[in-house]
């Protein structure tokens, strides 16, 4: 992902999620990968559907900003403000 190989990174994240489907770290990594690939709607969808609402907030806010959705980005809670 850091090298811009988002397709390859996405395949690796998918494999990892099969092995550990409940890992918030893997799910957040997928959202970050989508954000890096400029697939902002996919990044937003993943974060909004994560069961652990204390992770993914930065990817969500970034995706909103990159889409020009500034009001939504402002409303994203900071760490510790969820649930």
PDB file of N, CA and C in Angstrom:
ATOM      1  N   UNK A   1       0.838  -1.178   0.000  1.00  0.00           N
ATOM      2  CA  UNK A   1       0.000   0.000   0.000  1.00  0.00           C
ATOM      3  C   UNK A   1       0.887   1.247   0.000  1.00  0.00           C
ATOM      4  N   UNK A   2       1.932   1.257   0.813  1.00  0.00           N
ATOM      5  CA  UNK A   2       2.816   2.418   0.897  1.00  0.00           C
ATOM      6  C   UNK A   2       3.545   2.683  -0.417  1.00  0.00           C
ATOM      7  N   UNK A   3       3.660   1.669  -1.254  1.00  0.00           N
ATOM      8  CA  UNK A   3       4.326   1.820  -2.540  1.00  0.00           C
ATOM      9  C   UNK A   3       3.356   2.150  -3.670  1.00  0.00           C
ATOM     10  N   UNK A   4       2.088   2.348  -3.317  1.00  0.00           N
ATOM     11  CA  UNK A   4       1.088   2.674  -4.325  1.00  0.00           C
ATOM     12  C   UNK A   4       0.522   1.467  -5.044  1.00  0.00           C
ATOM     13  N   UNK A   5       0.797   0.279  -4.542  1.00  0.00           N
ATOM     14  CA  UNK A   5       0.280  -0.948  -5.157  1.00  0.00           C
ATOM     15  C   UNK A   5      -1.023  -1.337  -4.451  1.00  0.00           C
ATOM     16  N   UNK A   6      -2.041  -0.530  -4.687  1.00  0.00           N
ATOM     17  CA  UNK A   6      -3.286  -0.667  -3.951  1.00  0.00           C
ATOM     18  C   UNK A   6      -4.045  -1.942  -4.297  1.00  0.00           C
ATOM     19  N   UNK A   7      -3.966  -2.374  -5.535  1.00  0.00           N
ATOM     20  CA  UNK A   7      -4.647  -3.611  -5.921  1.00  0.00           C
ATOM     21  C   UNK A   7      -4.037  -4.817  -5.205  1.00  0.00           C
ATOM     22  N   UNK A   8      -2.726  -4.877  -5.193  1.00  0.00           N
ATOM     23  CA  UNK A   8      -2.024  -5.964  -4.506  1.00  0.00           C
ATOM     24  C   UNK A   8      -2.276  -5.904  -3.005  1.00  0.00           C
ATOM     25  N   UNK A   9      -2.221  -4.708  -2.448  1.00  0.00           N
ATOM     26  CA  UNK A   9      -2.485  -4.553  -1.016  1.00  0.00           C
ATOM     27  C   UNK A   9      -3.912  -4.962  -0.683  1.00  0.00           C
ATOM     28  N   UNK A  10      -4.855  -4.610  -1.549  1.00  0.00           N
ATOM     29  CA  UNK A  10      -6.248  -4.997  -1.323  1.00  0.00           C
ATOM     30  C   UNK A  10      -6.426  -6.503  -1.304  1.00  0.00           C
ATOM     31  N   UNK A  11      -5.716  -7.193  -2.179  1.00  0.00           N
ATOM     32  CA  UNK A  11      -5.778  -8.657  -2.199  1.00  0.00           C
ATOM     33  C   UNK A  11      -5.226  -9.238  -0.900  1.00  0.00           C
ATOM     34  N   UNK A  12      -4.136  -8.647  -0.401  1.00  0.00           N
ATOM     35  CA  UNK A  12      -3.548  -9.113   0.860  1.00  0.00           C
ATOM     36  C   UNK A  12      -4.478  -8.842   2.038  1.00  0.00           C
ATOM     37  N   UNK A  13      -5.106  -7.669   2.051  1.00  0.00           N
ATOM     38  CA  UNK A  13      -6.059  -7.365   3.117  1.00  0.00           C
ATOM     39  C   UNK A  13      -7.252  -8.318   3.070  1.00  0.00           C
ATOM     40  N   UNK A  14      -7.700  -8.663   1.876  1.00  0.00           N
ATOM     41  CA  UNK A  14      -8.823  -9.605   1.746  1.00  0.00           C
ATOM     42  C   UNK A  14      -8.458 -10.970   2.299  1.00  0.00           C
ATOM     43  N   UNK A  15      -7.252 -11.439   1.996  1.00  0.00           N
ATOM     44  CA  UNK A  15      -6.784 -12.722   2.550  1.00  0.00           C
ATOM     45  C   UNK A  15      -6.718 -12.653   4.076  1.00  0.00           C
ATOM     46  N   UNK A  16      -6.182 -11.558   4.583  1.00  0.00           N
ATOM     47  CA  UNK A  16      -6.058 -11.402   6.037  1.00  0.00           C
ATOM     48  C   UNK A  16      -7.425 -11.374   6.703  1.00  0.00           C
ATOM     49  N   UNK A  17      -8.394 -10.737   6.052  1.00  0.00           N
ATOM     50  CA  UNK A  17      -9.716 -10.649   6.653  1.00  0.00           C
ATOM     51  C   UNK A  17     -10.416 -12.006   6.680  1.00  0.00           C
ATOM     52  N   UNK A  18     -10.109 -12.857   5.717  1.00  0.00           N
ATOM     53  CA  UNK A  18     -10.658 -14.216   5.741  1.00  0.00           C
ATOM     54  C   UNK A  18     -10.107 -14.969   6.955  1.00  0.00           C
ATOM     55  N   UNK A  19      -8.830 -14.769   7.232  1.00  0.00           N
ATOM     56  CA  UNK A  19      -8.199 -15.447   8.366  1.00  0.00           C
ATOM     57  C   UNK A  19      -8.651 -14.885   9.706  1.00  0.00           C
ATOM     58  N   UNK A  20      -8.940 -13.604   9.756  1.00  0.00           N
ATOM     59  CA  UNK A  20      -9.358 -12.969  11.001  1.00  0.00           C
ATOM     60  C   UNK A  20     -10.420 -11.911  10.706  1.00  0.00           C
ATOM     61  N   UNK A  21     -11.665 -12.346  10.488  1.00  0.00           N
ATOM     62  CA  UNK A  21     -12.719 -11.419  10.056  1.00  0.00           C
ATOM     63  C   UNK A  21     -13.117 -10.375  11.102  1.00  0.00           C
ATOM     64  N   UNK A  22     -12.787 -10.587  12.350  1.00  0.00           N
ATOM     65  CA  UNK A  22     -13.193  -9.655  13.399  1.00  0.00           C
ATOM     66  C   UNK A  22     -12.109  -8.641  13.749  1.00  0.00           C
ATOM     67  N   UNK A  23     -11.001  -8.647  13.034  1.00  0.00           N
ATOM     68  CA  UNK A  23      -9.896  -7.745  13.350  1.00  0.00           C
ATOM     69  C   UNK A  23     -10.198  -6.320  12.892  1.00  0.00           C
ATOM     70  N   UNK A  24     -10.326  -5.389  13.851  1.00  0.00           N
ATOM     71  CA  UNK A  24     -10.557  -4.002  13.447  1.00  0.00           C
ATOM     72  C   UNK A  24      -9.338  -3.411  12.736  1.00  0.00           C
ATOM     73  N   UNK A  25      -8.165  -3.902  13.059  1.00  0.00           N
ATOM     74  CA  UNK A  25      -6.943  -3.391  12.431  1.00  0.00           C
ATOM     75  C   UNK A  25      -6.908  -3.727  10.940  1.00  0.00           C
ATOM     76  N   UNK A  26      -7.324  -4.924  10.587  1.00  0.00           N
ATOM     77  CA  UNK A  26      -7.356  -5.330   9.184  1.00  0.00           C
ATOM     78  C   UNK A  26      -8.425  -4.530   8.439  1.00  0.00           C
ATOM     79  N   UNK A  27      -9.574  -4.388   9.056  1.00  0.00           N
ATOM     80  CA  UNK A  27     -10.658  -3.636   8.420  1.00  0.00           C
ATOM     81  C   UNK A  27     -10.262  -2.177   8.224  1.00  0.00           C
ATOM     82  N   UNK A  28      -9.617  -1.594   9.222  1.00  0.00           N
ATOM     83  CA  UNK A  28      -9.152  -0.218   9.087  1.00  0.00           C
ATOM     84  C   UNK A  28      -8.087  -0.113   7.991  1.00  0.00           C
ATOM     85  N   UNK A  29      -7.237  -1.134   7.889  1.00  0.00           N
ATOM     86  CA  UNK A  29      -6.234  -1.157   6.825  1.00  0.00           C
ATOM     87  C   UNK A  29      -6.873  -1.171   5.449  1.00  0.00           C
ATOM     88  N   UNK A  30      -7.957  -1.918   5.310  1.00  0.00           N
ATOM     89  CA  UNK A  30      -8.690  -1.927   4.038  1.00  0.00           C
ATOM     90  C   UNK A  30      -9.228  -0.542   3.717  1.00  0.00           C
ATOM     91  N   UNK A  31      -9.768   0.142   4.726  1.00  0.00           N
ATOM     92  CA  UNK A  31     -10.296   1.494   4.514  1.00  0.00           C
ATOM     93  C   UNK A  31      -9.173   2.442   4.102  1.00  0.00           C
ATOM     94  N   UNK A  32      -8.022   2.345   4.765  1.00  0.00           N
ATOM     95  CA  UNK A  32      -6.877   3.192   4.417  1.00  0.00           C
ATOM     96  C   UNK A  32      -6.410   2.897   2.989  1.00  0.00           C
ATOM     97  N   UNK A  33      -6.436   1.625   2.612  1.00  0.00           N
ATOM     98  CA  UNK A  33      -6.030   1.244   1.264  1.00  0.00           C
ATOM     99  C   UNK A  33      -6.990   1.832   0.225  1.00  0.00           C
ATOM    100  N   UNK A  34      -8.283   1.745   0.485  1.00  0.00           N
ATOM    101  CA  UNK A  34      -9.261   2.350  -0.430  1.00  0.00           C
ATOM    102  C   UNK A  34      -9.048   3.854  -0.524  1.00  0.00           C
ATOM    103  N   UNK A  35      -8.778   4.483   0.613  1.00  0.00           N
ATOM    104  CA  UNK A  35      -8.528   5.926   0.611  1.00  0.00           C
ATOM    105  C   UNK A  35      -7.307   6.247  -0.254  1.00  0.00           C
ATOM    106  N   UNK A  36      -6.243   5.483  -0.093  1.00  0.00           N
ATOM    107  CA  UNK A  36      -5.038   5.695  -0.888  1.00  0.00           C
ATOM    108  C   UNK A  36      -5.274   5.509  -2.375  1.00  0.00           C
ATOM    109  N   UNK A  37      -6.169   4.589  -2.706  1.00  0.00           N
ATOM    110  CA  UNK A  37      -6.498   4.315  -4.105  1.00  0.00           C
ATOM    111  C   UNK A  37      -7.550   5.286  -4.646  1.00  0.00           C
ATOM    112  N   UNK A  38      -7.920   6.256  -3.837  1.00  0.00           N
ATOM    113  CA  UNK A  38      -8.929   7.255  -4.187  1.00  0.00           C
ATOM    114  C   UNK A  38     -10.317   6.664  -4.396  1.00  0.00           C
ATOM    115  N   UNK A  39     -10.555   5.565  -3.715  1.00  0.00           N
ATOM    116  CA  UNK A  39     -11.885   4.942  -3.724  1.00  0.00           C
ATOM    117  C   UNK A  39     -12.580   5.358  -2.426  1.00  0.00           C
ATOM    118  N   UNK A  40     -12.895   6.628  -2.350  1.00  0.00           N
ATOM    119  CA  UNK A  40     -13.374   7.229  -1.117  1.00  0.00           C
ATOM    120  C   UNK A  40     -14.708   6.664  -0.642  1.00  0.00           C
ATOM    121  N   UNK A  41     -15.618   6.377  -1.569  1.00  0.00           N
ATOM    122  CA  UNK A  41     -16.908   5.806  -1.166  1.00  0.00           C
ATOM    123  C   UNK A  41     -16.720   4.443  -0.503  1.00  0.00           C
ATOM    124  N   UNK A  42     -15.797   3.641  -1.035  1.00  0.00           N
ATOM    125  CA  UNK A  42     -15.521   2.332  -0.430  1.00  0.00           C
ATOM    126  C   UNK A  42     -14.917   2.500   0.963  1.00  0.00           C
ATOM    127  N   UNK A  43     -14.008   3.455   1.121  1.00  0.00           N
ATOM    128  CA  UNK A  43     -13.398   3.708   2.426  1.00  0.00           C
ATOM    129  C   UNK A  43     -14.457   4.138   3.440  1.00  0.00           C
ATOM    130  N   UNK A  44     -15.322   5.044   3.023  1.00  0.00           N
ATOM    131  CA  UNK A  44     -16.386   5.522   3.913  1.00  0.00           C
ATOM    132  C   UNK A  44     -17.311   4.384   4.302  1.00  0.00           C
ATOM    133  N   UNK A  45     -17.705   3.579   3.330  1.00  0.00           N
ATOM    134  CA  UNK A  45     -18.610   2.458   3.597  1.00  0.00           C
ATOM    135  C   UNK A  45     -18.004   1.476   4.599  1.00  0.00           C
ATOM    136  N   UNK A  46     -16.736   1.157   4.428  1.00  0.00           N
ATOM    137  CA  UNK A  46     -16.096   0.204   5.346  1.00  0.00           C
ATOM    138  C   UNK A  46     -16.093   0.750   6.764  1.00  0.00           C
ATOM    139  N   UNK A  47     -15.692   2.002   6.928  1.00  0.00           N
ATOM    140  CA  UNK A  47     -15.599   2.570   8.281  1.00  0.00           C
ATOM    141  C   UNK A  47     -16.977   2.678   8.922  1.00  0.00           C
ATOM    142  N   UNK A  48     -17.966   3.109   8.178  1.00  0.00           N
ATOM    143  CA  UNK A  48     -19.304   3.252   8.755  1.00  0.00           C
ATOM    144  C   UNK A  48     -19.917   1.921   9.155  1.00  0.00           C
ATOM    145  N   UNK A  49     -19.437   0.830   8.564  1.00  0.00           N
ATOM    146  CA  UNK A  49     -19.983  -0.487   8.886  1.00  0.00           C
ATOM    147  C   UNK A  49     -19.093  -1.298   9.819  1.00  0.00           C
ATOM    148  N   UNK A  50     -18.048  -0.677  10.357  1.00  0.00           N
ATOM    149  CA  UNK A  50     -17.182  -1.384  11.299  1.00  0.00           C
ATOM    150  C   UNK A  50     -17.895  -1.534  12.635  1.00  0.00           C
ATOM    151  N   UNK A  51     -17.825  -2.722  13.243  1.00  0.00           N
ATOM    152  CA  UNK A  51     -18.473  -2.886  14.545  1.00  0.00           C
ATOM    153  C   UNK A  51     -17.802  -2.065  15.654  1.00  0.00           C
ATOM    154  N   UNK A  52     -16.481  -1.883  15.582  1.00  0.00           N
ATOM    155  CA  UNK A  52     -15.760  -1.099  16.580  1.00  0.00           C
ATOM    156  C   UNK A  52     -15.681   0.340  16.083  1.00  0.00           C
ATOM    157  N   UNK A  53     -16.440   1.214  16.684  1.00  0.00           N
ATOM    158  CA  UNK A  53     -16.515   2.605  16.229  1.00  0.00           C
ATOM    159  C   UNK A  53     -15.356   3.459  16.741  1.00  0.00           C
ATOM    160  N   UNK A  54     -14.407   2.862  17.452  1.00  0.00           N
ATOM    161  CA  UNK A  54     -13.259   3.614  17.957  1.00  0.00           C
ATOM    162  C   UNK A  54     -12.061   3.558  17.024  1.00  0.00           C
ATOM    163  N   UNK A  55     -12.184   2.895  15.903  1.00  0.00           N
ATOM    164  CA  UNK A  55     -11.100   2.849  14.918  1.00  0.00           C
ATOM    165  C   UNK A  55     -11.661   3.272  13.564  1.00  0.00           C
ATOM    166  N   UNK A  56     -10.788   3.751  12.721  1.00  0.00           N
ATOM    167  CA  UNK A  56     -11.202   4.118  11.374  1.00  0.00           C
ATOM    168  C   UNK A  56     -11.627   5.557  11.219  1.00  0.00           C
ATOM    169  N   UNK A  57     -11.673   6.301  12.303  1.00  0.00           N
ATOM    170  CA  UNK A  57     -12.183   7.673  12.233  1.00  0.00           C
ATOM    171  C   UNK A  57     -11.307   8.572  11.371  1.00  0.00           C
ATOM    172  N   UNK A  58      -9.994   8.360  11.374  1.00  0.00           N
ATOM    173  CA  UNK A  58      -9.123   9.208  10.563  1.00  0.00           C
ATOM    174  C   UNK A  58      -9.319   8.930   9.070  1.00  0.00           C
ATOM    175  N   UNK A  59      -9.427   7.658   8.703  1.00  0.00           N
ATOM    176  CA  UNK A  59      -9.687   7.309   7.304  1.00  0.00           C
ATOM    177  C   UNK A  59     -11.027   7.888   6.856  1.00  0.00           C
ATOM    178  N   UNK A  60     -12.011   7.834   7.743  1.00  0.00           N
ATOM    179  CA  UNK A  60     -13.336   8.374   7.425  1.00  0.00           C
ATOM    180  C   UNK A  60     -13.266   9.882   7.209  1.00  0.00           C
ATOM    181  N   UNK A  61     -12.636  10.595   8.136  1.00  0.00           N
ATOM    182  CA  UNK A  61     -12.533  12.051   8.003  1.00  0.00           C
ATOM    183  C   UNK A  61     -11.756  12.428   6.746  1.00  0.00           C
ATOM    184  N   UNK A  62     -10.654  11.734   6.489  1.00  0.00           N
ATOM    185  CA  UNK A  62      -9.863  12.014   5.282  1.00  0.00           C
ATOM    186  C   UNK A  62     -10.684  11.786   4.016  1.00  0.00           C
ATOM    187  N   UNK A  63     -11.407  10.675   3.965  1.00  0.00           N
ATOM    188  CA  UNK A  63     -12.208  10.368   2.777  1.00  0.00           C
ATOM    189  C   UNK A  63     -13.269  11.448   2.552  1.00  0.00           C
ATOM    190  N   UNK A  64     -13.901  11.894   3.630  1.00  0.00           N
ATOM    191  CA  UNK A  64     -14.873  12.976   3.499  1.00  0.00           C
ATOM    192  C   UNK A  64     -14.209  14.248   2.955  1.00  0.00           C
ATOM    193  N   UNK A  65     -13.049  14.594   3.482  1.00  0.00           N
ATOM    194  CA  UNK A  65     -12.358  15.805   3.021  1.00  0.00           C
ATOM    195  C   UNK A  65     -11.998  15.684   1.548  1.00  0.00           C
ATOM    196  N   UNK A  66     -11.448  14.545   1.153  1.00  0.00           N
ATOM    197  CA  UNK A  66     -11.046  14.369  -0.238  1.00  0.00           C
ATOM    198  C   UNK A  66     -12.240  14.410  -1.194  1.00  0.00           C
ATOM    199  N   UNK A  67     -13.433  14.068  -0.683  1.00  0.00           N
ATOM    200  CA  UNK A  67     -14.642  14.158  -1.500  1.00  0.00           C
ATOM    201  C   UNK A  67     -15.269  15.548  -1.440  1.00  0.00           C
ATOM    202  N   UNK A  68     -14.705  16.427  -0.630  1.00  0.00           N
ATOM    203  CA  UNK A  68     -15.272  17.763  -0.485  1.00  0.00           C
ATOM    204  C   UNK A  68     -16.455  17.803   0.459  1.00  0.00           C
ATOM    205  N   UNK A  69     -16.631  16.778   1.267  1.00  0.00           N
ATOM    206  CA  UNK A  69     -17.744  16.686   2.210  1.00  0.00           C
ATOM    207  C   UNK A  69     -17.282  17.203   3.577  1.00  0.00           C
ATOM    208  N   UNK A  70     -17.036  18.498   3.655  1.00  0.00           N
ATOM    209  CA  UNK A  70     -16.398  19.086   4.825  1.00  0.00           C
ATOM    210  C   UNK A  70     -17.264  19.041   6.079  1.00  0.00           C
ATOM    211  N   UNK A  71     -18.559  19.235   5.936  1.00  0.00           N
ATOM    212  CA  UNK A  71     -19.443  19.193   7.110  1.00  0.00           C
ATOM    213  C   UNK A  71     -19.453  17.797   7.736  1.00  0.00           C
ATOM    214  N   UNK A  72     -19.446  16.761   6.897  1.00  0.00           N
ATOM    215  CA  UNK A  72     -19.409  15.397   7.412  1.00  0.00           C
ATOM    216  C   UNK A  72     -18.070  15.130   8.103  1.00  0.00           C
ATOM    217  N   UNK A  73     -16.979  15.646   7.528  1.00  0.00           N
ATOM    218  CA  UNK A  73     -15.654  15.449   8.118  1.00  0.00           C
ATOM    219  C   UNK A  73     -15.568  16.090   9.494  1.00  0.00           C
ATOM    220  N   UNK A  74     -16.163  17.255   9.646  1.00  0.00           N
ATOM    221  CA  UNK A  74     -16.141  17.948  10.930  1.00  0.00           C
ATOM    222  C   UNK A  74     -16.890  17.152  11.997  1.00  0.00           C
ATOM    223  N   UNK A  75     -17.913  16.423  11.600  1.00  0.00           N
ATOM    224  CA  UNK A  75     -18.742  15.677  12.537  1.00  0.00           C
ATOM    225  C   UNK A  75     -18.129  14.344  12.969  1.00  0.00           C
ATOM    226  N   UNK A  76     -17.052  13.910  12.321  1.00  0.00           N
ATOM    227  CA  UNK A  76     -16.418  12.646  12.688  1.00  0.00           C
ATOM    228  C   UNK A  76     -15.840  12.788  14.092  1.00  0.00           C
ATOM    229  N   UNK A  77     -16.238  11.905  15.005  1.00  0.00           N
ATOM    230  CA  UNK A  77     -15.742  12.018  16.378  1.00  0.00           C
ATOM    231  C   UNK A  77     -14.257  11.691  16.488  1.00  0.00           C
ATOM    232  N   UNK A  78     -13.626  12.281  17.460  1.00  0.00           N
ATOM    233  CA  UNK A  78     -12.224  11.990  17.736  1.00  0.00           C
ATOM    234  C   UNK A  78     -12.127  10.688  18.528  1.00  0.00           C
ATOM    235  N   UNK A  79     -10.943  10.166  18.665  1.00  0.00           N
ATOM    236  CA  UNK A  79     -10.719   8.923  19.418  1.00  0.00           C
ATOM    237  C   UNK A  79     -11.283   9.083  20.826  1.00  0.00           C
ATOM    238  N   UNK A  80     -11.988   8.089  21.289  1.00  0.00           N
ATOM    239  CA  UNK A  80     -12.535   8.095  22.631  1.00  0.00           C
ATOM    240  C   UNK A  80     -13.894   8.753  22.740  1.00  0.00           C
ATOM    241  N   UNK A  81     -14.360   9.400  21.687  1.00  0.00           N
ATOM    242  CA  UNK A  81     -15.662  10.050  21.730  1.00  0.00           C
ATOM    243  C   UNK A  81     -16.775   9.163  21.210  1.00  0.00           C
ATOM    244  N   UNK A  82     -16.439   7.982  20.724  1.00  0.00           N
ATOM    245  CA  UNK A  82     -17.445   7.062  20.185  1.00  0.00           C
ATOM    246  C   UNK A  82     -17.976   6.167  21.287  1.00  0.00           C
ATOM    247  N   UNK A  83     -19.151   5.652  21.046  1.00  0.00           N
ATOM    248  CA  UNK A  83     -19.815   4.681  21.922  1.00  0.00           C
ATOM    249  C   UNK A  83     -19.302   4.794  23.318  1.00  0.00           C
TER     250      UNK A  83
END
